[in-house]
């Protein structure tokens, strides 16, 4: 089942009089159950690509279809409120920097997306199973400053999962972790895909982590190779 279809996606940034082609006519699809790994050197366009796929940024041209709904085509886009609905319903996001709020407990950080979606009570029922699955249940009332790097990333993953997304977008999720913690996150992502059916789009410099993908997209200066 096709979840995402990108056709001739181009993203151009303007810096003064210079135009930078971060993406150049990228076309591909993501199917349900895929682990798609996006690789490439720094500046190759990887983060730009996943930001467009995750509806965090609009392309300059091309078309993007999410779960059968066209969210963008050249010259036309959904409204910001409609895009927000797509993001909250369809995607969970994990980044290299954990982006945990330091004054909130683990529980409060995880449930934050549910607050914005006004599903706090319903998703609070999902909290304990998710925390048990990610082995952070004992840290429920801790602050981020009391956690290890691996634990903070697990909290970030739990936050991404709390609204039950179809697709997990992970941008360098092991970039700030040592090799042991990186291995734990790799195993966790595989488990989320195989045991829980979550489709994964993974950006990584880590060649070992990239091996978990059933598909690999390589970007070089904004040009996509499959």
Protein backbone atom coordinates (compact mmCIF):
# COMPACT_ATOMS: atom_id res chain seq x y z
CA UNK A 1 0.00 0.00 0.00
CA UNK A 2 1.46 3.36 -1.07
CA UNK A 3 1.51 5.94 1.72
CA UNK A 4 3.62 8.72 0.19
CA UNK A 5 4.17 9.63 -3.44
CA UNK A 6 6.62 12.37 -4.39
CA UNK A 7 6.86 13.50 -8.02
CA UNK A 8 9.58 15.82 -9.32
CA UNK A 9 10.05 17.52 -5.96
CA UNK A 10 12.32 20.55 -6.21
CA UNK A 11 13.27 22.86 -3.36
CA UNK A 12 15.11 26.10 -4.07
CA UNK A 13 16.43 28.45 -1.40
CA UNK A 14 17.43 32.01 -2.23
CA UNK A 15 20.46 33.55 -0.57
CA UNK A 16 20.96 37.05 -1.89
CA UNK A 17 21.16 36.72 -5.66
CA UNK A 18 22.16 33.05 -5.41
CA UNK A 19 19.66 30.22 -5.85
CA UNK A 20 20.45 26.96 -4.06
CA UNK A 21 18.81 23.77 -5.35
CA UNK A 22 18.49 21.73 -2.14
CA UNK A 23 16.36 19.16 -4.04
CA UNK A 24 16.26 18.68 -7.78
CA UNK A 25 13.31 16.77 -9.32
CA UNK A 26 13.20 14.00 -6.70
CA UNK A 27 10.59 11.29 -7.38
CA UNK A 28 9.87 8.17 -5.31
CA UNK A 29 7.22 6.48 -3.19
CA UNK A 30 7.04 5.08 0.34
CA UNK A 31 4.93 1.99 0.95
CA UNK A 32 3.31 0.84 4.18
CA UNK A 33 5.80 -1.19 6.22
CA UNK A 34 8.91 0.25 4.57
CA UNK A 35 12.04 1.33 6.37
CA UNK A 36 13.43 3.89 3.93
CA UNK A 37 16.94 5.08 4.75
CA UNK A 38 18.05 8.43 3.34
CA UNK A 39 21.83 8.78 3.15
CA UNK A 40 24.25 11.39 1.83
CA UNK A 41 26.90 13.84 2.92
CA UNK A 42 26.17 16.95 4.95
CA UNK A 43 24.49 19.52 2.74
CA UNK A 44 23.23 16.92 0.27
CA UNK A 45 19.55 17.74 0.93
CA UNK A 46 18.58 14.91 3.29
CA UNK A 47 16.91 17.04 5.95
CA UNK A 48 15.22 19.18 3.30
CA UNK A 49 13.78 16.01 1.76
CA UNK A 50 12.29 14.65 4.99
CA UNK A 51 10.99 18.10 5.97
CA UNK A 52 9.07 18.20 2.69
CA UNK A 53 7.84 14.61 3.06
CA UNK A 54 6.74 15.31 6.62
CA UNK A 55 4.86 18.47 5.59
CA UNK A 56 7.16 20.65 7.68
CA UNK A 57 8.15 22.59 4.57
CA UNK A 58 6.64 23.10 1.11
CA UNK A 59 8.62 22.26 -2.04
CA UNK A 60 9.20 24.93 -4.68
CA UNK A 61 7.67 22.70 -7.35
CA UNK A 62 6.48 19.16 -7.95
CA UNK A 63 3.69 17.26 -6.23
CA UNK A 64 3.30 15.35 -2.96
CA UNK A 65 0.52 12.93 -2.07
CA UNK A 66 0.05 11.63 1.49
CA UNK A 67 -2.24 8.65 2.05
CA UNK A 68 -4.09 9.33 -1.19
CA UNK A 69 -4.52 13.07 -0.53
CA UNK A 70 -2.60 15.57 -2.63
CA UNK A 71 -1.10 18.03 -0.16
CA UNK A 72 1.00 19.96 -2.65
CA UNK A 73 1.41 20.52 -6.36
CA UNK A 74 3.17 23.33 -8.16
CA UNK A 75 1.45 26.59 -7.29
CA UNK A 76 -1.06 25.02 -4.87
CA UNK A 77 -0.87 23.80 -1.29
CA UNK A 78 -3.15 22.90 1.58
CA UNK A 79 -3.73 25.65 4.12
CA UNK A 80 -1.50 25.74 7.19
CA UNK A 81 -4.34 24.41 9.37
CA UNK A 82 -4.89 21.53 6.94
CA UNK A 83 -1.15 20.75 6.87
CA UNK A 84 -1.10 20.82 10.68
CA UNK A 85 -3.90 18.25 10.69
CA UNK A 86 -1.92 16.00 8.31
CA UNK A 87 1.21 16.32 10.46
CA UNK A 88 -0.58 15.50 13.70
CA UNK A 89 -2.60 12.61 12.26
CA UNK A 90 -0.05 10.94 10.06
CA UNK A 91 3.51 11.62 11.26
CA UNK A 92 5.69 11.25 14.32
CA UNK A 93 9.00 13.13 14.32
CA UNK A 94 12.32 12.30 15.98
CA UNK A 95 15.35 14.55 15.62
CA UNK A 96 19.08 14.40 16.40
CA UNK A 97 18.57 16.99 19.11
CA UNK A 98 16.01 15.60 21.52
CA UNK A 99 14.04 18.87 21.90
CA UNK A 100 12.69 17.90 25.31
CA UNK A 101 11.32 20.73 27.45
CA UNK A 102 13.64 20.85 30.49
CA UNK A 103 10.98 21.96 32.97
CA UNK A 104 8.55 19.14 32.07
CA UNK A 105 8.73 15.59 33.36
CA UNK A 106 9.17 12.61 31.05
CA UNK A 107 5.41 11.97 31.20
CA UNK A 108 4.59 15.59 30.39
CA UNK A 109 7.07 15.72 27.49
CA UNK A 110 5.63 12.56 25.94
CA UNK A 111 2.04 13.76 26.24
CA UNK A 112 2.73 17.23 24.82
CA UNK A 113 1.50 16.40 21.26
CA UNK A 114 -1.73 15.05 22.76
CA UNK A 115 -2.32 18.42 24.43
CA UNK A 116 -2.15 20.21 21.07
CA UNK A 117 -4.42 17.63 19.47
CA UNK A 118 -6.84 17.80 22.42
CA UNK A 119 -6.56 14.06 23.00
CA UNK A 120 -4.76 14.20 26.35
CA UNK A 121 -7.11 11.87 28.25
CA UNK A 122 -7.36 9.34 25.43
CA UNK A 123 -3.62 9.25 24.82
CA UNK A 124 -2.78 9.17 28.51
CA UNK A 125 -4.18 5.63 28.41
CA UNK A 126 -1.51 4.78 25.81
CA UNK A 127 1.31 6.28 27.86
CA UNK A 128 2.21 3.34 30.11
CA UNK A 129 2.31 0.72 27.30
CA UNK A 130 4.54 2.98 25.21
CA UNK A 131 6.86 3.71 28.12
CA UNK A 132 7.06 0.00 28.99
CA UNK A 133 7.87 -0.85 25.37
CA UNK A 134 10.66 1.74 25.34
CA UNK A 135 11.94 0.75 28.80
CA UNK A 136 11.52 4.21 30.35
CA UNK A 137 8.57 3.53 32.66
CA UNK A 138 10.72 4.03 35.76
CA UNK A 139 11.67 7.50 34.53
CA UNK A 140 8.10 8.77 34.28
CA UNK A 141 8.45 11.61 36.81
CA UNK A 142 12.07 12.47 36.04
CA UNK A 143 13.19 15.68 34.34
CA UNK A 144 15.31 15.48 31.16
CA UNK A 145 18.41 16.60 33.07
CA UNK A 146 18.16 13.38 35.10
CA UNK A 147 18.28 11.12 32.02
CA UNK A 148 21.07 9.65 29.92
CA UNK A 149 21.33 10.51 26.22
CA UNK A 150 19.81 7.18 25.25
CA UNK A 151 16.92 7.69 27.66
CA UNK A 152 16.26 11.17 26.30
CA UNK A 153 16.07 9.81 22.77
CA UNK A 154 13.66 7.10 23.93
CA UNK A 155 11.48 9.81 25.46
CA UNK A 156 11.60 11.69 22.16
CA UNK A 157 10.53 8.52 20.34
CA UNK A 158 7.71 7.96 22.82
CA UNK A 159 6.53 11.52 22.21
CA UNK A 160 6.56 10.82 18.45
CA UNK A 161 4.44 7.69 18.99
CA UNK A 162 1.84 9.05 21.41
CA UNK A 163 -0.60 10.10 18.66
CA UNK A 164 -0.30 6.69 16.97
CA UNK A 165 1.32 7.88 13.70
CA UNK A 166 1.42 5.87 10.48
CA UNK A 167 4.94 7.10 9.65
CA UNK A 168 7.89 7.79 11.93
CA UNK A 169 10.37 10.31 10.50
CA UNK A 170 13.73 10.08 12.26
CA UNK A 171 16.41 12.62 11.31
CA UNK A 172 19.82 11.43 12.59
CA UNK A 173 18.26 9.80 15.69
CA UNK A 174 21.62 8.39 16.84
CA UNK A 175 23.73 11.42 15.97
CA UNK A 176 24.23 12.47 19.62
CA UNK A 177 24.64 8.95 21.03
CA UNK A 178 27.57 6.63 21.66
CA UNK A 179 27.84 3.29 19.85
CA UNK A 180 26.05 1.31 22.58
CA UNK A 181 23.07 3.69 22.76
CA UNK A 182 23.02 3.92 18.96
CA UNK A 183 22.67 0.14 18.79
CA UNK A 184 19.78 0.25 21.24
CA UNK A 185 17.95 2.87 19.15
CA UNK A 186 18.59 0.85 15.99
CA UNK A 187 17.03 -2.25 17.56
CA UNK A 188 14.13 -0.17 18.81
CA UNK A 189 13.37 1.24 15.35
CA UNK A 190 13.44 -2.25 13.83
CA UNK A 191 11.06 -3.48 16.53
CA UNK A 192 8.64 -0.58 15.95
CA UNK A 193 8.58 -1.48 12.26
CA UNK A 194 8.41 -5.26 12.47
CA UNK A 195 6.25 -5.72 15.56
CA UNK A 196 4.09 -2.61 15.47
CA UNK A 197 3.80 -1.97 11.73
CA UNK A 198 5.13 1.58 11.77
CA UNK A 199 6.57 2.81 8.50
CA UNK A 200 9.94 4.53 9.01
CA UNK A 201 11.78 7.21 7.03
CA UNK A 202 15.27 7.43 8.49
CA UNK A 203 17.99 10.00 7.76
CA UNK A 204 21.43 8.86 8.86
CA UNK A 205 25.19 9.17 8.37
CA UNK A 206 25.57 5.90 10.30
CA UNK A 207 26.28 3.15 7.75
CA UNK A 208 25.46 0.42 10.27
CA UNK A 209 22.09 2.00 11.06
CA UNK A 210 21.33 2.39 7.34
CA UNK A 211 21.54 -1.40 6.92
CA UNK A 212 18.15 -1.83 8.63
CA UNK A 213 16.35 -0.28 5.67
CA UNK A 214 14.61 -2.32 3.01
CA UNK A 215 15.12 0.66 0.68
CA UNK A 216 17.88 3.26 0.47
CA UNK A 217 17.70 6.73 -1.09
CA UNK A 218 21.04 8.45 -1.68
CA UNK A 219 21.22 12.21 -2.15
CA UNK A 220 24.12 14.03 -3.78
CA UNK A 221 23.80 17.81 -4.16
CA UNK A 222 20.02 17.53 -4.14
CA UNK A 223 19.89 14.77 -6.76
CA UNK A 224 18.24 11.53 -5.65
CA UNK A 225 19.55 8.07 -6.49
CA UNK A 226 17.62 4.90 -5.62
